[in-house]
Protein backbone atom coordinates (compact mmCIF):
# COMPACT_ATOMS: atom_id res chain seq x y z
CA MET A 1 0.00 0.00 0.00
CA PHE A 2 1.55 3.27 -1.18
CA ASP A 3 0.56 6.80 -0.31
CA LEU A 4 0.78 7.77 -3.99
CA ILE A 5 1.24 5.99 -7.29
CA ILE A 6 1.94 7.80 -10.55
CA ARG A 7 0.85 5.20 -13.06
CA GLY A 8 1.58 4.71 -16.74
CA GLY A 9 3.80 7.72 -17.44
CA THR A 10 7.06 7.99 -19.31
CA VAL A 11 9.66 8.31 -16.56
CA PHE A 12 12.84 10.35 -17.00
CA ASP A 13 15.27 9.76 -14.17
CA GLY A 14 17.16 13.06 -14.55
CA THR A 15 20.49 11.52 -15.59
CA GLY A 16 20.09 12.21 -19.31
CA GLN A 17 18.85 8.72 -20.11
CA PRO A 18 15.78 8.36 -22.35
CA GLY A 19 12.40 8.03 -20.71
CA VAL A 20 10.86 4.60 -20.04
CA ARG A 21 7.33 3.57 -19.31
CA ALA A 22 7.05 2.92 -15.56
CA ASP A 23 4.99 3.53 -12.46
CA VAL A 24 6.36 5.45 -9.48
CA GLY A 25 5.35 4.60 -5.92
CA VAL A 26 5.70 7.05 -3.05
CA THR A 27 5.38 6.43 0.67
CA GLY A 28 5.90 9.29 3.03
CA GLU A 29 8.57 11.63 1.67
CA ARG A 30 10.40 9.02 -0.40
CA ILE A 31 10.20 7.18 -3.68
CA VAL A 32 9.90 3.53 -2.69
CA ALA A 33 9.26 1.81 -6.02
CA ILE A 34 9.77 2.37 -9.74
CA GLY A 35 8.49 -0.25 -12.17
CA ASP A 36 5.29 -2.17 -12.78
CA LEU A 37 2.87 -1.34 -9.99
CA ALA A 38 -0.28 -2.36 -11.85
CA THR A 39 -1.57 -4.51 -8.98
CA ALA A 40 -0.49 -2.18 -6.18
CA GLU A 41 -2.84 0.06 -4.24
CA ALA A 42 -2.39 3.62 -3.03
CA GLY A 43 -4.22 6.32 -1.16
CA ARG A 44 -4.03 8.36 -4.35
CA VAL A 45 -3.37 7.26 -7.93
CA ILE A 46 -2.41 9.70 -10.70
CA GLU A 47 -3.08 8.27 -14.14
CA ALA A 48 -0.17 9.55 -16.21
CA SER A 49 -0.64 7.80 -19.54
CA GLY A 50 0.65 10.15 -22.25
CA LEU A 51 2.43 12.32 -19.64
CA PHE A 52 6.08 12.63 -18.67
CA VAL A 53 7.26 12.07 -15.10
CA ALA A 54 10.49 13.75 -14.05
CA PRO A 55 12.34 14.85 -10.94
CA GLY A 56 11.20 18.23 -9.67
CA PHE A 57 13.02 21.04 -11.44
CA VAL A 58 15.98 22.81 -9.82
CA ASP A 59 16.03 26.58 -10.31
CA MET A 60 19.76 27.16 -10.04
CA HIS A 61 19.62 30.95 -9.87
CA THR A 62 16.86 32.79 -8.02
CA HIS A 63 16.20 35.82 -5.86
CA SER A 64 13.37 34.36 -3.79
CA ASP A 65 14.96 35.23 -0.44
CA GLU A 66 11.96 37.31 0.66
CA SER A 67 9.27 35.24 -1.05
CA PRO A 68 8.55 32.54 1.57
CA LEU A 69 8.20 35.22 4.23
CA LEU A 70 5.54 36.98 2.17
CA ASN A 71 3.78 34.11 0.38
CA PRO A 72 4.88 30.59 1.36
CA ARG A 73 2.82 29.03 -1.46
CA MET A 74 5.69 29.99 -3.82
CA GLU A 75 3.20 30.23 -6.66
CA SER A 76 5.16 31.29 -9.73
CA LYS A 77 7.84 28.63 -9.21
CA ILE A 78 5.93 25.60 -7.97
CA ARG A 79 3.48 25.90 -10.87
CA GLN A 80 6.44 25.62 -13.27
CA GLY A 81 7.43 22.33 -11.66
CA VAL A 82 10.24 23.88 -9.61
CA THR A 83 10.74 21.97 -6.36
CA LEU A 84 14.11 23.49 -5.38
CA GLU A 85 15.40 27.05 -5.59
CA VAL A 86 18.93 28.32 -5.00
CA CYS A 87 18.60 31.79 -3.43
CA GLY A 88 20.98 34.57 -2.40
CA HIS A 89 22.52 35.24 -5.81
CA CYS A 90 24.24 38.26 -7.37
CA GLY A 91 25.91 39.30 -4.14
CA ALA A 92 22.66 39.98 -2.26
CA SER A 93 21.31 37.87 0.61
CA LEU A 94 19.12 38.47 3.63
CA ALA A 95 21.77 37.13 6.02
CA PRO A 96 24.16 37.51 7.72
CA LEU A 97 23.39 41.11 8.61
CA ARG A 98 25.33 43.81 10.41
CA GLY A 99 26.15 47.46 9.85
CA GLU A 100 24.78 48.98 6.65
CA ALA A 101 23.44 45.59 5.53
CA VAL A 102 20.86 45.75 8.31
CA HIS A 103 19.56 49.06 6.97
CA VAL A 104 19.32 47.69 3.42
CA ALA A 105 17.38 44.61 4.54
CA GLU A 106 15.06 46.63 6.80
CA LYS A 107 14.26 48.99 3.96
CA SER A 108 13.62 46.20 1.48
CA LEU A 109 11.29 44.28 3.79
CA ALA A 110 9.52 47.42 5.02
CA GLU A 111 8.22 47.98 1.49
CA TYR A 112 6.09 44.88 2.07
CA GLY A 113 5.19 45.76 5.65
CA TYR A 114 7.49 43.05 7.02
CA ASN A 115 9.72 43.61 10.05
CA LEU A 116 13.27 42.33 10.14
CA SER A 117 13.78 39.98 13.10
CA TRP A 118 17.14 38.24 12.54
CA ARG A 119 20.82 38.89 12.03
CA SER A 120 22.60 35.56 11.50
CA MET A 121 22.11 33.06 8.69
CA GLY A 122 20.92 30.48 11.20
CA GLU A 123 18.25 32.84 12.53
CA TYR A 124 17.12 33.70 9.01
CA LEU A 125 16.83 30.05 7.97
CA GLN A 126 14.80 29.36 11.10
CA ARG A 127 12.46 32.24 10.25
CA VAL A 128 11.92 30.84 6.74
CA GLU A 129 11.13 27.44 8.24
CA GLU A 130 8.60 29.03 10.56
CA SER A 131 6.89 30.77 7.63
CA GLY A 132 6.83 27.58 5.57
CA THR A 133 7.56 27.10 1.88
CA ALA A 134 5.93 25.12 -0.91
CA ASP A 135 9.27 24.27 -2.53
CA ASN A 136 12.69 23.43 -1.13
CA LEU A 137 15.13 26.29 -0.65
CA LEU A 138 18.84 26.67 -0.13
CA PHE A 139 20.78 29.88 0.33
CA LEU A 140 24.07 31.48 -0.64
CA VAL A 141 25.80 34.32 1.21
CA GLY A 142 25.86 37.55 -0.78
CA HIS A 143 29.27 39.18 -1.05
CA GLY A 144 27.64 42.61 -1.28
CA THR A 145 25.83 41.86 1.96
CA LEU A 146 29.12 40.93 3.65
CA ARG A 147 30.86 44.04 2.34
CA ALA A 148 28.02 46.36 3.37
CA GLY A 149 28.15 44.80 6.82
CA ALA A 150 31.89 45.11 7.25
CA MET A 151 32.67 48.40 5.48
CA GLY A 152 29.44 49.94 4.23
CA PHE A 153 29.24 51.14 0.64
CA ARG A 154 32.76 52.51 0.54
CA LEU A 155 34.88 52.33 -2.58
CA GLY A 156 38.30 50.73 -2.31
CA GLU A 157 39.86 47.71 -0.71
CA PRO A 158 38.95 46.53 2.78
CA THR A 159 41.43 46.94 5.59
CA ALA A 160 42.90 43.76 7.06
CA ASP A 161 40.37 43.96 9.90
CA GLU A 162 37.45 44.48 7.51
CA LEU A 163 38.48 41.51 5.38
CA ALA A 164 38.82 39.40 8.51
CA THR A 165 35.32 40.49 9.55
CA MET A 166 33.90 39.41 6.18
CA GLN A 167 35.70 36.08 6.42
CA ALA A 168 34.37 35.48 9.92
CA MET A 169 30.79 36.38 8.94
CA LEU A 170 31.03 34.10 5.92
CA ALA A 171 32.45 31.21 7.95
CA GLU A 172 29.69 31.52 10.54
CA ALA A 173 26.99 31.56 7.85
CA LEU A 174 28.49 28.52 6.13
CA ALA A 175 28.64 26.67 9.44
CA GLU A 176 24.95 27.47 9.92
CA GLY A 177 24.00 25.92 6.59
CA ALA A 178 24.70 28.35 3.73
CA TRP A 179 25.89 26.72 0.50
CA GLY A 180 28.51 29.17 -0.69
CA LEU A 181 29.28 32.73 -1.72
CA SER A 182 27.66 34.78 -4.48
CA THR A 183 28.94 37.94 -6.13
CA GLY A 184 27.21 40.60 -8.18
CA LEU A 185 30.17 42.29 -9.79
CA ILE A 186 28.14 44.98 -11.56
CA TYR A 187 26.32 45.93 -8.35
CA PRO A 188 27.89 48.09 -5.64
CA PRO A 189 29.34 47.33 -3.18
CA SER A 190 30.21 43.89 -4.60
CA SER A 191 31.55 45.58 -7.73
CA TYR A 192 34.13 47.43 -5.66
CA ALA A 193 35.99 44.22 -4.81
CA THR A 194 39.27 43.12 -6.35
CA THR A 195 39.93 39.60 -7.57
CA GLU A 196 42.26 39.10 -4.61
CA GLU A 197 39.49 39.95 -2.12
CA LEU A 198 37.18 37.43 -3.75
CA ILE A 199 39.83 34.71 -3.70
CA ALA A 200 40.45 35.35 0.00
CA LEU A 201 36.75 34.94 0.74
CA SER A 202 36.34 31.96 -1.56
CA ARG A 203 39.07 30.12 0.33
CA VAL A 204 36.74 30.21 3.32
CA VAL A 205 34.03 28.72 1.13
CA ALA A 206 36.40 25.95 0.03
CA ARG A 207 37.03 24.93 3.64
CA TYR A 208 33.32 24.28 4.06
CA GLY A 209 32.82 22.47 0.75
CA GLY A 210 30.69 25.26 -0.74
CA LEU A 211 30.64 26.92 -4.17
CA TYR A 212 31.36 30.33 -5.67
CA ALA A 213 28.47 31.69 -7.79
CA SER A 214 29.06 34.87 -9.75
CA HIS A 215 27.21 37.45 -11.74
CA ILE A 216 30.46 38.26 -13.47
CA ARG A 217 31.95 41.73 -13.84
CA ASN A 218 31.00 42.27 -17.47
CA GLU A 219 28.74 40.49 -19.97
CA GLY A 220 29.50 42.73 -22.93
CA GLU A 221 32.77 44.21 -24.14
CA LYS A 222 34.85 42.48 -21.45
CA LEU A 223 32.88 39.24 -21.27
CA LEU A 224 35.95 37.08 -21.83
CA GLU A 225 38.00 38.89 -19.21
CA ALA A 226 35.12 38.55 -16.74
CA VAL A 227 34.78 34.81 -17.34
CA ALA A 228 38.54 34.46 -16.96
CA GLU A 229 38.36 36.28 -13.61
CA ALA A 230 35.71 33.89 -12.30
CA ILE A 231 37.81 30.94 -13.41
CA ALA A 232 40.88 32.47 -11.73
CA ILE A 233 38.93 32.82 -8.48
CA GLY A 234 37.91 29.16 -8.67
CA GLN A 235 41.47 28.09 -9.33
CA GLY A 236 42.98 30.42 -6.73
CA ALA A 237 40.62 29.25 -3.99
CA ASP A 238 40.18 25.65 -5.19
CA VAL A 239 36.41 26.08 -5.16
CA PRO A 240 33.66 25.08 -7.65
CA VAL A 241 32.38 27.95 -9.81
CA GLN A 242 28.87 28.69 -11.05
CA LEU A 243 28.54 31.42 -13.70
CA ALA A 244 25.22 33.26 -13.57
CA HIS A 245 22.85 33.72 -16.53
CA HIS A 246 25.53 33.28 -19.18
CA LYS A 247 25.13 35.59 -22.14
CA ALA A 248 26.65 38.24 -24.40
CA ALA A 249 24.77 41.50 -23.83
CA GLY A 250 24.54 44.22 -26.47
CA ARG A 251 24.40 43.84 -30.25
CA ARG A 252 28.10 44.66 -30.65
CA HIS A 253 28.97 41.61 -28.57
CA TRP A 254 26.67 38.99 -30.04
CA GLY A 255 28.61 35.84 -30.90
CA LYS A 256 31.16 36.23 -28.10
CA VAL A 257 29.58 33.34 -26.23
CA LYS A 258 31.40 31.01 -28.61
CA ASP A 259 34.68 32.18 -27.08
CA SER A 260 33.39 32.41 -23.51
CA LEU A 261 32.10 28.85 -23.70
CA ALA A 262 35.50 27.77 -25.00
CA LEU A 263 37.11 29.33 -21.92
CA ILE A 264 34.79 27.34 -19.69
CA GLU A 265 35.50 24.14 -21.62
CA LYS A 266 39.25 24.69 -21.24
CA ALA A 267 38.95 25.25 -17.48
CA ARG A 268 36.82 22.13 -17.15
CA ALA A 269 39.38 20.12 -19.10
CA GLN A 270 41.99 21.33 -16.61
CA GLY A 271 39.94 19.95 -13.74
CA LEU A 272 38.02 22.99 -12.47
CA ASP A 273 34.38 22.36 -11.66
CA VAL A 274 32.95 25.35 -13.53
CA THR A 275 29.39 25.39 -14.82
CA ALA A 276 26.85 28.04 -15.82
CA ASP A 277 23.13 28.68 -15.86
CA GLN A 278 20.77 30.38 -18.29
CA TYR A 279 17.19 31.54 -18.76
CA PRO A 280 15.66 30.95 -22.23
CA TYR A 281 14.96 34.57 -23.20
CA THR A 282 16.71 37.30 -25.18
CA ALA A 283 15.99 39.94 -22.51
CA SER A 284 17.46 40.35 -19.05
CA SER A 285 16.18 42.22 -15.99
CA THR A 286 17.93 44.36 -13.41
CA GLY A 287 17.76 47.81 -11.81
CA LEU A 288 17.69 51.03 -13.81
CA ASP A 289 20.49 52.35 -11.61
CA THR A 290 22.93 50.06 -13.46
CA VAL A 291 23.19 52.79 -16.14
CA LEU A 292 25.08 54.93 -13.61
CA PRO A 293 28.85 54.76 -13.02
CA GLY A 294 30.02 52.77 -10.03
CA TRP A 295 31.30 55.73 -8.04
CA ALA A 296 27.84 57.31 -8.03
CA HIS A 297 26.60 54.45 -5.83
CA GLU A 298 29.20 54.90 -3.09
CA GLY A 299 27.51 55.30 0.26
CA GLY A 300 24.27 53.55 -0.74
CA SER A 301 20.98 54.61 -2.28
CA GLU A 302 20.53 57.74 -0.16
CA LYS A 303 23.88 59.12 -1.30
CA LEU A 304 23.06 58.14 -4.89
CA VAL A 305 19.84 60.14 -4.83
CA ALA A 306 21.61 63.08 -3.20
CA ARG A 307 24.16 63.11 -6.02
CA LEU A 308 21.39 63.13 -8.62
CA GLN A 309 19.80 66.08 -6.82
CA ASP A 310 23.03 68.09 -6.78
CA ALA A 311 23.25 70.01 -10.08
CA ALA A 312 27.01 69.79 -10.56
CA THR A 313 27.30 66.13 -9.63
CA ARG A 314 24.26 65.28 -11.72
CA GLN A 315 25.91 66.92 -14.71
CA GLN A 316 29.09 64.90 -14.13
CA ILE A 317 27.13 61.62 -13.92
CA ALA A 318 25.19 62.51 -17.06
CA ALA A 319 28.41 63.16 -18.96
CA GLU A 320 29.74 59.72 -18.01
CA VAL A 321 26.49 57.97 -18.93
CA ARG A 322 26.60 59.57 -22.38
CA ALA A 323 30.34 59.03 -22.90
CA ASN A 324 30.20 55.23 -23.28
CA ARG A 325 33.58 54.69 -21.64
CA PRO A 326 35.45 51.55 -22.82
CA GLY A 327 35.10 48.57 -20.52
CA TRP A 328 32.01 49.85 -18.70
CA GLU A 329 28.99 47.65 -19.24
CA ASN A 330 26.30 50.28 -19.65
CA PRO A 331 22.96 49.01 -21.00
CA ALA A 332 22.06 52.53 -22.14
CA SER A 333 24.81 52.43 -24.74
CA ASP A 334 25.05 48.66 -25.30
CA SER A 335 21.33 48.13 -25.94
CA GLY A 336 19.83 51.62 -26.31
CA TRP A 337 17.14 53.42 -24.33
CA HIS A 338 14.43 51.96 -26.59
CA ASN A 339 15.37 48.47 -25.39
CA ILE A 340 15.12 49.31 -21.68
CA VAL A 341 11.55 48.75 -20.46
CA ILE A 342 10.28 49.82 -17.04
CA ALA A 343 9.18 46.72 -15.09
CA GLY A 344 8.63 48.15 -11.62
CA CYS A 345 8.09 51.80 -10.69
CA ARG A 346 6.31 52.60 -7.44
CA SER A 347 6.10 56.34 -8.14
CA ASP A 348 4.11 55.87 -11.37
CA ARG A 349 2.70 52.45 -12.23
CA ALA A 350 1.48 53.79 -15.58
CA LEU A 351 5.09 53.78 -16.80
CA GLU A 352 5.44 50.02 -16.34
CA GLY A 353 5.65 48.15 -19.63
CA ARG A 354 6.93 51.19 -21.57
CA ASN A 355 10.49 51.81 -22.70
CA VAL A 356 12.69 54.70 -21.61
CA ARG A 357 12.74 56.32 -25.04
CA GLN A 358 8.92 56.35 -25.25
CA ILE A 359 8.56 57.86 -21.80
CA ALA A 360 11.22 60.51 -22.40
CA ASP A 361 9.68 61.54 -25.72
CA GLN A 362 6.22 61.81 -24.18
CA GLN A 363 7.58 63.93 -21.32
CA GLY A 364 9.69 66.03 -23.65
CA LYS A 365 12.87 65.18 -21.77
CA ASP A 366 16.31 63.91 -22.62
CA PRO A 367 16.35 60.16 -21.72
CA VAL A 368 19.26 60.60 -19.32
CA GLU A 369 17.49 63.37 -17.41
CA MET A 370 14.24 61.43 -17.37
CA VAL A 371 16.04 58.39 -15.93
CA PHE A 372 17.65 60.54 -13.24
CA ASP A 373 14.24 61.97 -12.30
CA LEU A 374 12.75 58.49 -12.13
CA LEU A 375 15.55 57.15 -9.94
CA THR A 376 15.25 60.16 -7.64
CA ALA A 377 11.49 59.69 -7.27
CA ASN A 378 11.95 56.03 -6.37
CA GLU A 379 14.98 56.25 -4.07
CA GLY A 380 17.12 54.59 -6.74
CA ASN A 381 14.89 51.53 -7.02
CA VAL A 382 13.35 51.06 -10.48
CA ALA A 383 13.22 47.60 -12.09
CA VAL A 384 13.76 47.23 -15.83
CA VAL A 385 13.75 44.60 -18.55
CA ILE A 386 16.54 44.99 -21.12
CA PHE A 387 16.38 43.45 -24.58
CA SER A 388 20.06 42.78 -25.12
CA MET A 389 20.67 39.27 -26.49
CA CYS A 390 20.25 37.36 -29.74
CA GLU A 391 18.45 34.07 -30.28
CA GLU A 392 21.47 32.37 -31.83
CA ASP A 393 23.54 32.97 -28.69
CA VAL A 394 20.73 31.76 -26.44
CA GLN A 395 20.56 28.48 -28.31
CA MET A 396 24.34 28.06 -28.43
CA VAL A 397 24.62 28.44 -24.67
CA MET A 398 21.61 26.19 -24.14
CA ARG A 399 23.17 23.29 -26.01
CA GLN A 400 26.12 23.03 -23.64
CA PRO A 401 25.78 20.10 -21.21
CA PHE A 402 27.43 22.11 -18.41
CA VAL A 403 24.77 24.85 -18.58
CA PHE A 404 21.84 24.45 -16.17
CA VAL A 405 18.56 26.37 -15.99
CA GLY A 406 18.07 29.37 -13.72
CA SER A 407 15.20 31.84 -13.84
CA ASP A 408 17.09 34.71 -12.18
CA ALA A 409 13.68 35.60 -10.78
CA THR A 410 11.99 36.25 -7.48
CA CYS A 411 9.10 33.90 -6.78
CA ARG A 412 5.87 35.88 -7.16
CA ALA A 413 2.12 35.53 -7.40
CA PRO A 414 -0.54 37.52 -9.28
CA TYR A 415 -2.09 38.49 -5.93
CA GLY A 416 -0.88 39.83 -2.58
CA PRO A 417 2.34 41.71 -1.82
CA LEU A 418 4.33 40.06 -4.65
CA ALA A 419 1.90 41.05 -7.43
CA GLU A 420 3.31 44.49 -8.20
CA GLY A 421 4.86 45.64 -11.47
CA LYS A 422 5.38 43.87 -14.77
CA PRO A 423 8.19 41.44 -13.95
CA HIS A 424 10.20 39.63 -16.59
CA PRO A 425 8.12 36.68 -17.87
CA ARG A 426 10.89 34.31 -16.79
CA THR A 427 9.32 34.67 -13.33
CA TYR A 428 6.37 32.55 -14.47
CA GLY A 429 7.64 30.80 -17.59
CA THR A 430 11.31 29.76 -17.60
CA PHE A 431 11.00 25.99 -17.29
CA PRO A 432 7.86 25.36 -19.40
CA ARG A 433 9.31 27.70 -22.05
CA LEU A 434 12.45 25.60 -22.33
CA LEU A 435 10.39 22.43 -22.61
CA GLY A 436 7.69 23.74 -24.94
CA ARG A 437 9.58 26.09 -27.23
CA TYR A 438 13.13 24.77 -27.27
CA VAL A 439 12.52 21.02 -26.94
CA ARG A 440 9.15 20.27 -28.52
CA ASP A 441 8.85 23.10 -31.05
CA LEU A 442 12.43 23.87 -32.09
CA GLY A 443 14.25 20.65 -31.24
CA VAL A 444 17.25 22.46 -29.76
CA LEU A 445 17.45 19.81 -27.02
CA THR A 446 16.02 16.35 -26.50
CA TRP A 447 13.56 15.78 -23.69
CA ALA A 448 16.10 13.73 -21.74
CA GLU A 449 18.85 16.33 -22.14
CA ALA A 450 16.61 19.24 -21.14
CA ILE A 451 15.32 17.40 -18.07
CA ALA A 452 18.87 16.51 -16.98
CA LYS A 453 19.85 20.20 -17.22
CA MET A 454 16.89 21.03 -14.97
CA THR A 455 17.34 18.23 -12.43
CA GLY A 456 20.16 15.76 -12.00
CA ARG A 457 23.07 17.91 -13.13
CA PRO A 458 22.39 20.97 -10.96
CA ALA A 459 21.56 18.69 -8.01
CA ALA A 460 24.93 16.97 -8.46
CA LYS A 461 26.67 20.35 -8.60
CA LEU A 462 25.07 21.19 -5.26
CA GLY A 463 26.03 17.85 -3.77
CA LEU A 464 22.43 16.72 -3.31
CA ALA A 465 22.74 12.95 -3.63
CA GLN A 466 19.09 12.19 -2.95
CA ARG A 467 17.41 14.91 -4.96
CA GLY A 468 17.35 15.74 -8.66
CA THR A 469 17.13 12.15 -9.86
CA LEU A 470 14.43 9.50 -9.63
CA ALA A 471 15.58 6.42 -7.73
CA VAL A 472 14.27 4.25 -4.93
CA GLY A 473 15.09 5.90 -1.62
CA HIS A 474 15.34 9.42 -3.02
CA PHE A 475 13.12 12.26 -1.89
CA ALA A 476 9.84 12.34 -3.77
CA ASP A 477 10.20 15.66 -5.56
CA LEU A 478 8.35 15.05 -8.82
CA VAL A 479 6.75 16.87 -11.71
CA VAL A 480 4.24 15.38 -14.14
CA PHE A 481 3.80 17.32 -17.38
CA ASP A 482 2.18 16.94 -20.77
CA PRO A 483 4.78 17.03 -23.56
CA ALA A 484 2.09 18.01 -26.07
CA THR A 485 0.86 21.08 -24.22
CA VAL A 486 3.54 22.25 -21.79
CA ALA A 487 4.18 25.93 -22.54
CA ASP A 488 4.83 29.30 -20.98
CA ARG A 489 1.95 31.76 -21.06
CA ALA A 490 3.74 34.71 -19.49
CA THR A 491 4.60 37.52 -21.90
CA PHE A 492 6.44 40.80 -21.54
CA VAL A 493 3.09 42.59 -21.82
CA GLU A 494 1.17 40.27 -19.48
CA PRO A 495 3.79 38.45 -17.41
CA MET A 496 1.69 37.23 -14.49
CA GLN A 497 0.29 34.13 -16.16
CA TYR A 498 0.82 30.58 -14.98
CA PRO A 499 2.06 28.02 -17.53
CA ALA A 500 0.12 25.28 -19.29
CA GLY A 501 0.63 21.55 -19.27
CA ILE A 502 1.95 20.94 -15.73
CA PRO A 503 -0.91 19.26 -13.88
CA TYR A 504 0.97 17.68 -10.95
CA VAL A 505 3.89 18.65 -8.72
CA ILE A 506 4.93 16.68 -5.65
CA VAL A 507 7.31 18.05 -3.01
CA ASN A 508 8.76 15.72 -0.39
CA GLY A 509 5.96 13.28 -1.15
CA VAL A 510 3.18 15.86 -0.78
CA LEU A 511 0.91 16.67 -3.74
CA THR A 512 1.26 20.44 -4.08
CA ILE A 513 -0.08 21.07 -7.59
CA ASP A 514 -3.07 18.82 -8.23
CA GLY A 515 -4.90 19.05 -11.54
CA GLY A 516 -3.09 22.33 -12.21
CA GLU A 517 -4.22 23.93 -8.96
CA HIS A 518 -2.28 24.69 -5.79
CA THR A 519 -3.39 22.53 -2.85
CA GLY A 520 -2.05 25.02 -0.32
CA ALA A 521 0.61 22.57 0.83
CA THR A 522 3.90 23.95 2.12
CA ALA A 523 5.91 20.74 2.32
CA GLY A 524 9.17 22.30 1.14
CA ARG A 525 12.20 22.51 3.37
CA VAL A 526 15.16 24.73 4.04
CA LEU A 527 18.15 22.65 2.99
CA ARG A 528 21.30 23.28 5.00
CA ARG A 529 24.68 22.42 3.57
CA GLY A 530 26.22 19.46 5.29
CA THR A 531 22.94 18.02 6.61
């Protein structure tokens, strides 16, 4: 007698092997049988004839750190079949907190009416567990969070004491269950770090068996140099490397991924565990403040706004934005104002979904001045979508077996506190888009290869021996989808739309999506490294 049987589906085990017809039996939180269970009984039977059964999808790159505290149903991810998210990317995490990092976290959470009640990583993980979560979560330590805590938003290298403070904070967080260190090397204060600082911190990560995950320093003109830096950090610290949302941004740089992928291949051949992740879209998403030079961010968002309000400093910033200095990844020049679309703007929701050029023309302003006004009105916090990539590059990166799938998205819902703005459609559509568009419709990948990139391979990278693949004794994280209908519905115009063709999702043995609807279950867990 099983708790659940998924009967008659084509089962993909997540290793890259072709699917086979089999039944899957679940008791409690574990898979206890795979094979012919025609005569077995269960409390619940899912008839899966014509459907595919796979391990739950692993979202290798997310920003869902706040999401379980605000909506534990984890709607936009669980409905895609995601049963595990890796949070704390791009140098930003919600723990450990001290100094200026406390102020940043308080401000971020206050926007949702949520009060900060922790400082350490252990306390934060406990708070997430208390809130509950529909999918499993694990967390990285943000380098920007460490730096803000130890030395604020100051330009320059840390003192010996400040570096020691960052190392101690990182070690404590890793001991409490964090999985590694993330950097966001286009975002202050992480962007202020030298390679040597990052190697020194990554050596701490290596002692705990963690990984180094990086939004690299440049994805345009200096893409190759930035990839080389990440590889050098991995080699210098003897730590596995995960490259975030791999791409070549800006028309002038299209095609460079051929060379960046070759760099990764070479490092792998030399024995470095370096992999990457990708979302299947030609547009990215970030903050509008990324068009400003790094020095303008020193001191944090309040100082940034003050600089934009000072006439002389504003003029200096504007001159740099227009100058297109070599080596500076500036989406305004790389992609153009017409390709930068407002995704989240609290001061004027009517601007969401429109590009900077359109808004500036309507207001009769220079785009640079309009952007400065918008950042000032929103305390530096305006979300944008940037159309910066080409389809050929997306497919080239996708074909690489060492590239996983990561949405680079916060988990949201079309209701409640996480319903604001017009977020990038990857928030709701990453995984079904890869399956529907790139496997079924375009044939870029086989079903088995795509599923392995979403499941077994990222789980192996994370050291999760009993998740990511279907085997007797493994945790019952499962997704059942229809290969004929699975598809993303989210668009850039109407992004808050759940996907089609994913009728069942099971997390730790608990049916969480049933007939395409959320059961309300929050059976996910906080996964701590080393446990």
